[in-house]
C-alpha atoms as a PDB file:
ATOM      1  CA  SER A   1      91.351  16.276  58.761  1.00  0.00           C
ATOM      2  CA  GLU A   2      94.021  16.098  61.709  1.00  0.00           C
ATOM      3  CA  GLU A   3      96.530  18.281  60.697  1.00  0.00           C
ATOM      4  CA  LEU A   4      93.472  21.124  59.738  1.00  0.00           C
ATOM      5  CA  CYS A   5      92.195  20.329  63.304  1.00  0.00           C
ATOM      6  CA  TYR A   6      95.528  20.850  64.881  1.00  0.00           C
ATOM      7  CA  LEU A   7      96.173  24.282  62.496  1.00  0.00           C
ATOM      8  CA  CYS A   8      93.063  25.858  63.567  1.00  0.00           C
ATOM      9  CA  TYR A   9      93.327  24.777  67.524  1.00  0.00           C
ATOM     10  CA  ASN A  10      94.763  27.745  69.418  1.00  0.00           C
ATOM     11  CA  GLU A  11      94.033  28.479  73.334  1.00  0.00           C
ATOM     12  CA  ASN A  12      93.501  31.715  72.762  1.00  0.00           C
ATOM     13  CA  THR A  13      90.726  31.079  70.159  1.00  0.00           C
ATOM     14  CA  PHE A  14      89.359  28.298  71.488  1.00  0.00           C
ATOM     15  CA  GLY A  15      90.156  28.957  75.284  1.00  0.00           C
ATOM     16  CA  ASN A  16      86.782  30.894  75.972  1.00  0.00           C
ATOM     17  CA  VAL A  17      84.433  29.332  73.718  1.00  0.00           C
ATOM     18  CA  SER A  18      81.355  27.594  75.589  1.00  0.00           C
ATOM     19  CA  VAL A  19      78.776  26.659  72.404  1.00  0.00           C
ATOM     20  CA  VAL A  20      79.585  24.373  69.565  1.00  0.00           C
ATOM     21  CA  PHE A  21      77.003  23.929  67.281  1.00  0.00           C
ATOM     22  CA  HIS A  22      77.935  21.014  64.392  1.00  0.00           C
ATOM     23  CA  LEU A  23      76.130  20.956  61.226  1.00  0.00           C
ATOM     24  CA  ALA A  24      79.191  19.986  58.914  1.00  0.00           C
ATOM     25  CA  ALA A  25      78.210  16.661  56.842  1.00  0.00           C
ATOM     26  CA  SER A  26      77.660  15.241  53.542  1.00  0.00           C
ATOM     27  CA  ILE A  27      74.116  15.662  52.256  1.00  0.00           C
ATOM     28  CA  ARG A  28      74.686  13.503  49.213  1.00  0.00           C
ATOM     29  CA  PHE A  29      72.062  10.647  49.365  1.00  0.00           C
ATOM     30  CA  ASN A  30      74.555   8.818  47.175  1.00  0.00           C
ATOM     31  CA  GLU A  31      77.895   9.287  48.537  1.00  0.00           C
ATOM     32  CA  THR A  32      80.317   6.395  48.509  1.00  0.00           C
ATOM     33  CA  LEU A  33      80.825   4.472  51.811  1.00  0.00           C
ATOM     34  CA  ARG A  34      84.475   5.909  51.976  1.00  0.00           C
ATOM     35  CA  ASN A  35      83.602   9.518  51.826  1.00  0.00           C
ATOM     36  CA  ALA A  36      80.086   9.559  54.004  1.00  0.00           C
ATOM     37  CA  LEU A  37      82.154   8.297  56.792  1.00  0.00           C
ATOM     38  CA  LEU A  38      85.139  10.389  56.391  1.00  0.00           C
ATOM     39  CA  TYR A  39      82.452  13.317  56.448  1.00  0.00           C
ATOM     40  CA  ASN A  40      80.175  12.477  58.964  1.00  0.00           C
ATOM     41  CA  VAL A  41      81.728  10.336  61.361  1.00  0.00           C
ATOM     42  CA  ILE A  42      85.350  11.611  60.694  1.00  0.00           C
ATOM     43  CA  GLY A  43      84.187  14.903  60.615  1.00  0.00           C
ATOM     44  CA  VAL A  44      82.411  14.652  64.554  1.00  0.00           C
ATOM     45  CA  ARG A  45      84.979  12.297  65.649  1.00  0.00           C
ATOM     46  CA  GLU A  46      87.475  15.771  64.879  1.00  0.00           C
ATOM     47  CA  MET A  47      85.260  18.208  66.565  1.00  0.00           C
ATOM     48  CA  VAL A  48      85.010  16.047  69.361  1.00  0.00           C
ATOM     49  CA  LYS A  49      89.076  16.032  69.919  1.00  0.00           C
ATOM     50  CA  LEU A  50      88.593  19.837  69.536  1.00  0.00           C
ATOM     51  CA  CYS A  51      85.649  19.975  72.047  1.00  0.00           C
ATOM     52  CA  HIS A  52      87.710  18.129  74.713  1.00  0.00           C
ATOM     53  CA  LYS A  53      90.615  21.103  74.571  1.00  0.00           C
ATOM     54  CA  MET A  54      87.770  23.500  75.176  1.00  0.00           C
ATOM     55  CA  LYS A  55      88.099  24.159  79.143  1.00  0.00           C
ATOM     56  CA  LYS A  56      84.697  26.640  79.208  1.00  0.00           C
ATOM     57  CA  LEU A  57      82.936  24.368  77.441  1.00  0.00           C
ATOM     58  CA  LYS A  58      79.117  24.246  77.938  1.00  0.00           C
ATOM     59  CA  SER A  59      77.039  22.348  74.991  1.00  0.00           C
ATOM     60  CA  LEU A  60      78.242  20.613  72.011  1.00  0.00           C
ATOM     61  CA  VAL A  61      75.079  20.878  69.617  1.00  0.00           C
ATOM     62  CA  HIS A  62      75.726  18.065  67.036  1.00  0.00           C
ATOM     63  CA  VAL A  63      72.724  18.014  64.322  1.00  0.00           C
ATOM     64  CA  SER A  64      72.227  14.949  62.848  1.00  0.00           C
ATOM     65  CA  THR A  65      68.899  13.706  60.823  1.00  0.00           C
ATOM     66  CA  ALA A  66      65.050  12.343  62.166  1.00  0.00           C
ATOM     67  CA  TYR A  67      66.221   9.425  58.797  1.00  0.00           C
ATOM     68  CA  ALA A  68      68.835   8.691  61.243  1.00  0.00           C
ATOM     69  CA  ASN A  69      66.650   5.665  62.257  1.00  0.00           C
ATOM     70  CA  CYS A  70      64.250   5.445  59.317  1.00  0.00           C
ATOM     71  CA  HIS A  71      64.184   2.094  59.005  1.00  0.00           C
ATOM     72  CA  LEU A  72      62.674   1.179  62.559  1.00  0.00           C
ATOM     73  CA  SER A  73      58.791   2.270  62.555  1.00  0.00           C
ATOM     74  CA  ASN A  74      58.830   3.606  65.933  1.00  0.00           C
ATOM     75  CA  CYS A  75      61.804   6.326  66.970  1.00  0.00           C
ATOM     76  CA  ASP A  76      62.814   7.185  70.161  1.00  0.00           C
ATOM     77  CA  GLU A  77      64.902   9.880  71.486  1.00  0.00           C
ATOM     78  CA  ILE A  78      67.904   7.615  72.124  1.00  0.00           C
ATOM     79  CA  ILE A  79      70.565   6.621  70.198  1.00  0.00           C
ATOM     80  CA  TYR A  80      69.568   2.888  68.961  1.00  0.00           C
ATOM     81  CA  PRO A  81      72.518   0.442  69.063  1.00  0.00           C
ATOM     82  CA  LEU A  82      74.148  -0.081  65.352  1.00  0.00           C
ATOM     83  CA  ASN A  83      75.030  -3.955  64.123  1.00  0.00           C
ATOM     84  CA  VAL A  84      78.622  -2.757  63.857  1.00  0.00           C
ATOM     85  CA  GLN A  85      81.086  -1.370  66.055  1.00  0.00           C
ATOM     86  CA  TYR A  86      82.045   2.244  64.779  1.00  0.00           C
ATOM     87  CA  ASP A  87      85.647   2.316  65.445  1.00  0.00           C
ATOM     88  CA  LYS A  88      85.826  -1.317  63.785  1.00  0.00           C
ATOM     89  CA  LEU A  89      83.980   0.395  60.533  1.00  0.00           C
ATOM     90  CA  LEU A  90      86.369   3.500  60.049  1.00  0.00           C
ATOM     91  CA  ASP A  91      89.256   0.738  60.213  1.00  0.00           C
ATOM     92  CA  LEU A  92      88.455  -0.864  57.184  1.00  0.00           C
ATOM     93  CA  LEU A  93      89.004   2.132  55.273  1.00  0.00           C
ATOM     94  CA  ASP A  94      92.787   1.832  55.792  1.00  0.00           C
ATOM     95  CA  TRP A  95      92.608  -1.410  53.743  1.00  0.00           C
ATOM     96  CA  MET A  96      89.712  -2.135  51.679  1.00  0.00           C
ATOM     97  CA  THR A  97      88.807  -0.712  48.391  1.00  0.00           C
ATOM     98  CA  ASP A  98      85.730   1.049  47.693  1.00  0.00           C
ATOM     99  CA  GLU A  99      84.756  -1.741  45.540  1.00  0.00           C
ATOM    100  CA  GLN A 100      84.841  -4.156  49.104  1.00  0.00           C
ATOM    101  CA  LEU A 101      83.122  -1.418  51.294  1.00  0.00           C
ATOM    102  CA  ASP A 102      80.061  -1.228  48.260  1.00  0.00           C
ATOM    103  CA  LEU A 103      80.133  -4.913  48.647  1.00  0.00           C
ATOM    104  CA  LEU A 104      79.373  -4.869  52.625  1.00  0.00           C
ATOM    105  CA  LEU A 105      77.425  -1.725  52.392  1.00  0.00           C
ATOM    106  CA  PRO A 106      73.765  -3.238  52.282  1.00  0.00           C
ATOM    107  CA  SER A 107      74.427  -5.350  55.158  1.00  0.00           C
ATOM    108  CA  LEU A 108      75.891  -3.063  56.627  1.00  0.00           C
ATOM    109  CA  LEU A 109      72.904  -0.364  56.262  1.00  0.00           C
ATOM    110  CA  GLN A 110      70.294  -2.599  58.176  1.00  0.00           C
ATOM    111  CA  GLY A 111      67.180  -1.271  56.227  1.00  0.00           C
ATOM    112  CA  ARG A 112      68.302   2.274  56.059  1.00  0.00           C
ATOM    113  CA  PRO A 113      67.876   3.722  52.244  1.00  0.00           C
ATOM    114  CA  ASN A 114      71.232   5.308  51.507  1.00  0.00           C
ATOM    115  CA  THR A 115      74.838   6.226  52.755  1.00  0.00           C
ATOM    116  CA  TYR A 116      73.535   9.579  54.430  1.00  0.00           C
ATOM    117  CA  THR A 117      71.446   8.161  57.177  1.00  0.00           C
ATOM    118  CA  PHE A 118      73.562   5.312  58.017  1.00  0.00           C
ATOM    119  CA  THR A 119      76.890   7.151  58.988  1.00  0.00           C
ATOM    120  CA  LYS A 120      74.528  10.350  60.529  1.00  0.00           C
ATOM    121  CA  ALA A 121      73.374   7.090  62.854  1.00  0.00           C
ATOM    122  CA  VAL A 122      77.217   5.969  63.374  1.00  0.00           C
ATOM    123  CA  ALA A 123      78.117   9.420  64.405  1.00  0.00           C
ATOM    124  CA  GLU A 124      75.668   9.465  67.086  1.00  0.00           C
ATOM    125  CA  THR A 125      76.949   6.214  68.707  1.00  0.00           C
ATOM    126  CA  LEU A 126      80.435   7.765  68.133  1.00  0.00           C
ATOM    127  CA  LEU A 127      78.923  10.614  70.181  1.00  0.00           C
ATOM    128  CA  GLN A 128      77.809   8.718  72.684  1.00  0.00           C
ATOM    129  CA  ASN A 129      80.903   6.677  73.536  1.00  0.00           C
ATOM    130  CA  GLU A 130      83.612   9.184  72.716  1.00  0.00           C
ATOM    131  CA  ALA A 131      81.852  12.539  73.717  1.00  0.00           C
ATOM    132  CA  LYS A 132      79.960  10.920  77.229  1.00  0.00           C
ATOM    133  CA  ASP A 133      81.889  13.426  79.346  1.00  0.00           C
ATOM    134  CA  LEU A 134      81.108  16.285  77.445  1.00  0.00           C
ATOM    135  CA  PRO A 135      77.727  18.024  77.117  1.00  0.00           C
ATOM    136  CA  VAL A 136      76.547  16.791  74.196  1.00  0.00           C
ATOM    137  CA  ALA A 137      72.607  17.406  72.502  1.00  0.00           C
ATOM    138  CA  ILE A 138      71.937  15.442  69.433  1.00  0.00           C
ATOM    139  CA  PHE A 139      69.261  17.704  67.253  1.00  0.00           C
ATOM    140  CA  ARG A 140      67.503  15.372  64.814  1.00  0.00           C
ATOM    141  CA  PRO A 141      65.482  17.699  62.229  1.00  0.00           C
ATOM    142  CA  SER A 142      63.501  16.228  59.538  1.00  0.00           C
ATOM    143  CA  ILE A 143      64.942  19.031  56.790  1.00  0.00           C
ATOM    144  CA  ILE A 144      67.537  21.904  56.733  1.00  0.00           C
ATOM    145  CA  GLY A 145      66.916  24.212  54.004  1.00  0.00           C
ATOM    146  CA  THR A 146      68.342  27.850  53.139  1.00  0.00           C
ATOM    147  CA  PRO A 147      66.918  30.757  53.419  1.00  0.00           C
ATOM    148  CA  TYR A 148      65.768  32.951  50.684  1.00  0.00           C
ATOM    149  CA  HIS A 149      67.689  35.642  51.494  1.00  0.00           C
ATOM    150  CA  GLU A 150      70.052  36.447  53.443  1.00  0.00           C
END
């Protein structure tokens, strides 16, 4: 949340940060659109806000997914346009119910199978627009697993 990011920000803490890895996301494929947007898009927006305050930032590495554009037969290393503006989509969270969002979901997905892949694509578009002045890299792994032993 914005309050949490504000509490976490401390000039002494972030003043010397040069590399940020952003891996936080909900990976539930059946997440509601509201929750998927909150976790996978708004979380990215809050991270970008923090990164703008980091004077020594050299790299922001955002972990997306190879499936963000799984509805395409060929996928290049570009950010594909969406059929909706991400900021207008986030505005819907303020006044639409979950039931209303569910009705919109099929047209928003553009052939994607779930809210996870869709919101990862939305987050990439957000980065393209709101972090264009930051040194951003988007990593699209096909799968991330946990270690057998830590």
